[in-house]
Every structure is written in C-alpha cells, then in structure tokens.
Protein backbone atom coordinates (compact mmCIF):
# COMPACT_ATOMS: atom_id res chain seq x y z
CA MET A 1 0.00 0.00 0.00
CA LEU A 2 1.42 3.38 -1.02
CA LYS A 3 1.96 6.07 1.58
CA ARG A 4 0.42 9.26 0.20
CA SER A 5 0.34 12.90 1.16
CA ASN A 6 -3.00 14.67 1.34
CA GLN A 7 -2.63 16.05 -2.17
CA GLU A 8 -1.53 12.68 -3.50
CA TRP A 9 -4.69 11.09 -2.11
CA LEU A 10 -6.88 13.72 -3.76
CA THR A 11 -5.06 13.36 -7.07
CA ALA A 12 -5.10 9.55 -7.01
CA LEU A 13 -8.81 9.33 -6.15
CA GLN A 14 -9.66 11.57 -9.09
CA GLY A 15 -7.11 10.43 -11.64
CA PRO A 16 -6.17 7.37 -13.70
CA GLY A 17 -4.94 5.50 -10.59
CA ARG A 18 -8.38 5.79 -8.99
CA ASP A 19 -9.11 2.05 -8.62
CA GLY A 20 -5.84 1.38 -6.81
CA ALA A 21 -6.35 4.38 -4.52
CA ILE A 22 -9.88 3.24 -3.69
CA ALA A 23 -8.58 -0.26 -2.84
CA ASP A 24 -5.97 1.28 -0.53
CA LEU A 25 -8.55 3.55 1.07
CA LEU A 26 -10.91 0.62 1.65
CA ALA A 27 -8.15 -1.28 3.45
CA ILE A 28 -7.48 1.71 5.70
CA LEU A 29 -11.17 2.17 6.46
CA ARG A 30 -11.67 -1.52 7.25
CA GLN A 31 -8.83 -1.32 9.74
CA GLY A 32 -10.15 1.88 11.33
CA LEU A 33 -13.72 0.57 11.56
CA THR A 34 -12.59 -2.76 13.01
CA TYR A 35 -10.82 -0.88 15.80
CA ALA A 36 -13.65 1.62 16.40
CA LEU A 37 -16.36 -1.07 16.52
CA SER A 38 -14.37 -3.81 18.24
CA GLY A 39 -16.55 -3.74 21.37
CA ARG A 40 -19.83 -4.31 19.54
CA ALA A 41 -21.05 -7.89 19.53
CA ASN A 42 -23.54 -7.25 16.71
CA VAL A 43 -20.87 -6.16 14.21
CA ASP A 44 -18.95 -8.65 12.07
CA THR A 45 -16.65 -8.46 9.04
CA THR A 46 -19.63 -8.26 6.67
CA HIS A 47 -20.88 -5.15 8.46
CA ILE A 48 -17.40 -3.65 8.42
CA GLU A 49 -17.19 -4.21 4.66
CA ASP A 50 -20.61 -2.64 4.08
CA PHE A 51 -19.73 0.39 6.20
CA ALA A 52 -16.38 0.80 4.42
CA GLN A 53 -17.98 0.59 0.96
CA ASP A 54 -20.67 3.13 1.91
CA ALA A 55 -18.03 5.40 3.42
CA VAL A 56 -15.93 5.37 0.25
CA LEU A 57 -18.93 6.58 -1.76
CA ARG A 58 -19.51 9.34 0.79
CA ILE A 59 -15.82 10.31 0.78
CA LEU A 60 -15.63 10.46 -3.02
CA ASP A 61 -18.72 12.66 -3.03
CA LYS A 62 -17.19 14.99 -0.42
CA LEU A 63 -13.62 15.28 -1.73
CA ASP A 64 -14.13 18.96 -2.55
CA THR A 65 -14.90 19.66 1.12
CA PHE A 66 -11.56 18.36 2.40
CA ARG A 67 -9.55 21.35 3.63
CA GLY A 68 -6.31 19.64 4.57
CA GLU A 69 -6.60 20.56 8.24
CA SER A 70 -5.78 16.95 9.20
CA GLN A 71 -4.36 13.88 7.51
CA PHE A 72 -6.62 12.75 4.68
CA THR A 73 -6.89 9.26 6.18
CA THR A 74 -7.94 10.73 9.56
CA TRP A 75 -10.67 12.75 7.82
CA ALA A 76 -11.77 9.68 5.84
CA ASN A 77 -11.90 7.48 8.95
CA LYS A 78 -14.09 10.04 10.72
CA ILE A 79 -16.55 9.88 7.84
CA ALA A 80 -16.49 6.07 7.90
CA ILE A 81 -17.16 5.94 11.64
CA HIS A 82 -20.02 8.42 11.27
CA VAL A 83 -21.50 6.27 8.49
CA ALA A 84 -21.19 3.16 10.66
CA PHE A 85 -22.79 4.65 13.78
CA THR A 86 -25.60 6.23 11.77
CA GLU A 87 -26.42 2.84 10.24
CA LEU A 88 -26.19 1.06 13.59
CA ARG A 89 -28.61 3.58 15.13
CA ARG A 90 -30.97 3.11 12.20
CA ARG A 91 -30.89 -0.69 12.63
CA ARG A 92 -31.55 -0.35 16.34
CA TRP A 93 -34.80 1.50 15.68
CA GLN A 94 -35.92 -0.13 12.43
CA ASN A 95 -38.57 -2.32 14.09
CA VAL A 96 -39.78 0.29 16.60
CA SER A 97 -42.64 2.59 15.59
CA LEU A 98 -43.30 6.05 17.01
CA GLU A 99 -46.74 4.83 18.02
CA ASP A 100 -45.15 2.05 20.11
CA ILE A 101 -42.96 4.59 21.88
CA VAL A 102 -45.86 6.90 22.71
CA GLU A 103 -48.12 4.02 23.79
CA SER A 104 -45.39 2.70 26.09
CA TYR A 105 -45.82 5.80 28.24
CA GLU A 106 -49.62 5.48 28.27
CA GLY A 107 -49.99 9.23 28.74
CA ASP A 108 -47.32 9.33 31.44
CA TRP A 109 -45.10 11.58 29.34
CA ILE A 110 -42.67 12.40 32.15
CA PRO A 111 -42.42 9.35 34.44
CA ASP A 112 -41.67 9.85 38.15
CA SER A 113 -38.75 7.46 37.71
CA LEU A 114 -36.81 10.45 36.35
CA ALA A 115 -36.66 11.82 39.89
CA ASP A 116 -33.26 11.25 41.51
CA PRO A 117 -33.51 8.42 44.08
CA GLY A 118 -30.34 9.75 45.73
CA ALA A 119 -31.84 13.18 46.42
CA THR A 120 -33.08 14.28 49.84
CA PRO A 121 -36.80 13.78 50.60
CA GLU A 122 -37.38 17.51 50.13
CA GLN A 123 -35.60 17.49 46.75
CA GLN A 124 -37.53 14.41 45.63
CA THR A 125 -40.82 16.11 46.52
CA THR A 126 -39.81 19.18 44.49
CA GLN A 127 -38.68 17.03 41.57
CA ARG A 128 -41.94 15.06 41.48
CA MET A 129 -43.94 18.29 41.63
CA LEU A 130 -42.01 19.69 38.68
CA LEU A 131 -42.36 16.41 36.74
CA SER A 132 -46.10 16.49 37.36
CA THR A 133 -46.25 20.07 36.06
CA LEU A 134 -44.27 19.17 32.94
CA ARG A 135 -46.47 16.12 32.37
CA ARG A 136 -49.60 18.26 32.58
CA LEU A 137 -48.20 20.92 30.24
CA ILE A 138 -47.03 18.36 27.66
CA THR A 139 -50.46 16.74 27.66
CA ARG A 140 -52.34 20.04 27.47
CA GLU A 141 -50.14 22.26 25.32
CA LEU A 142 -48.34 20.12 22.76
CA THR A 143 -49.74 18.66 19.56
CA ASP A 144 -49.68 14.91 18.95
CA LYS A 145 -46.73 15.32 16.57
CA GLN A 146 -44.79 17.42 19.07
CA ARG A 147 -45.36 14.82 21.78
CA GLN A 148 -44.31 12.01 19.44
CA ALA A 149 -41.10 13.79 18.50
CA MET A 150 -40.19 14.73 22.07
CA MET A 151 -40.83 11.24 23.42
CA ALA A 152 -38.80 9.60 20.67
CA ILE A 153 -35.85 12.01 20.71
CA VAL A 154 -35.64 13.31 24.28
CA LEU A 155 -36.69 10.25 26.29
CA GLN A 156 -35.79 7.36 23.97
CA GLY A 157 -32.77 8.84 22.18
CA MET A 158 -33.96 8.04 18.67
CA PRO A 159 -31.82 9.89 16.08
CA LEU A 160 -33.35 13.06 14.64
CA GLU A 161 -32.98 11.75 11.08
CA GLU A 162 -34.81 8.52 11.96
CA VAL A 163 -37.71 10.40 13.58
CA ALA A 164 -37.92 12.74 10.59
CA ARG A 165 -38.09 9.77 8.21
CA ARG A 166 -40.85 8.09 10.18
CA MET A 167 -42.84 11.32 10.42
CA ASP A 168 -42.45 11.82 6.65
CA THR A 169 -40.72 15.15 7.10
CA ASN A 170 -37.17 16.54 6.93
CA ARG A 171 -34.60 17.46 9.57
CA ASN A 172 -35.24 21.20 9.36
CA ALA A 173 -39.01 20.84 9.70
CA LEU A 174 -38.59 18.46 12.65
CA TYR A 175 -36.14 20.83 14.31
CA LYS A 176 -38.71 23.63 13.99
CA LEU A 177 -41.40 21.35 15.42
CA LEU A 178 -39.23 20.69 18.48
CA HIS A 179 -38.23 24.34 18.74
CA ASP A 180 -41.87 25.41 18.77
CA ALA A 181 -42.68 22.76 21.39
CA ARG A 182 -39.88 23.95 23.67
CA LYS A 183 -40.96 27.58 23.25
CA ARG A 184 -44.53 26.69 24.17
CA LEU A 185 -43.43 24.73 27.25
CA LYS A 186 -41.11 27.54 28.33
CA ARG A 187 -43.94 30.08 28.00
CA GLU A 188 -46.28 27.90 30.05
CA LEU A 189 -43.64 27.26 32.69
CA LEU A 190 -43.16 31.01 33.07
CA ALA A 191 -46.93 31.40 33.41
CA GLU A 192 -46.72 28.90 36.30
CA GLY A 193 -44.03 31.00 37.96
CA LEU A 194 -41.24 28.65 36.92
CA SER A 195 -38.31 28.90 34.54
CA PRO A 196 -36.23 26.23 32.77
CA ASP A 197 -33.39 27.14 35.14
CA ASP A 198 -35.66 26.36 38.12
CA VAL A 199 -36.37 22.93 36.67
CA LEU A 200 -32.70 22.18 36.02
CA ALA A 201 -31.67 23.43 39.48
CA ALA A 202 -34.13 21.06 41.16
CA PHE A 203 -32.35 18.08 39.62
CA GLU A 204 -28.83 19.18 40.54
CA THR A 205 -28.08 17.15 43.65
C-alpha cells in the first residue's frame, strides 16, 4: 500500500490510478472501523465491509470539502465511523414505531422514575412536583406530533434523522417542530411561575 500525502490522495482518487487508490482507502477504512467497533457484539466483518464501501462513496462525493486541516486518512476514517454509527442507530430502531414509543408511556409523558432516588426527601418532593407540572403541560399544550417527537428524541434517544423519516418530514421541519414545542413549554412554565433554570436546578443534587 502506497503512503500518500493529502494532495496525492486527492489526485489519485480523481485520476487514472483511482481504482488502486480506492482499494488502498478501503483497506485503511476496514482497519479503522474494526478498531472503532471492536466492542460491539452485533458487528462482524460483513458489516465492516458494508460500512467501508458506503463510506468510500460518501468520501468520493465529499472530496471537494476536504480542507487539509488533518491527515486525509484521519478525515476519511471520521466519515467512515459516522457512516457506521448512523447505520447502527438506524438498525436499532428499524422495528420500533413512534406509536409504540408513545403508547409505552400510556400518557405518562414524564415518568416519576426520572426523579433522583439519591436526592433528599425535600428534593424528591420538588422534583416530582415539577415532573407532574411538565407532564400536565405536555399533555395540554403540545400537539400529537410534538409529543411524538419529544418522546422519541428526548426520552428514547432516537436519532433526529430517523424520527424525521418516520414522520415523513425533513430534519429542518422536525427541528422547527421541536423548537416550537420547547418555546410553548417555556412560555407555560413562566406562566406557572417557573423557569427552565428552576427545573434544572431542582435536579442538581
């Protein structure tokens, strides 16, 4: 495998030696992905190969964005790892519907289990009161779509892109949906004599 400078990589991946450069890049990405994903039991060599192949396509498409601020192979490995983790997150959620997530809470949008069991009795009482207030405001003030998005992203950790796909929308529209929901909750909290800082402070033990 040839050792290349940043410019040599760019030239090789766009010139007559492209196939050889791609083969070298694939080998480097396989090695980087194997190391980065070594602790994951659900990843084997077939997955590594798929991630590396997908990453090469992404890298070739983004060559004009490389600014030379790091080694080309470092930049390429970062893209490959991002591709891999995005796909792993997608697979994790592929059989889970937004409706299942919402139904799992059965209207209990902010469960009391979020209260800190290590807090003092007084702090736990305050935390449960605030959780009850948030639960009431979410039920009363947010639309069904806003509740779906917040439950999936905030409580379950579903990736924004995955929620957007399932809601048949795009990232920007979903971001605005969440932004509007947070603004509405903040306004209602202030009307109750509370602020987001009050809520956060109650959970700092």
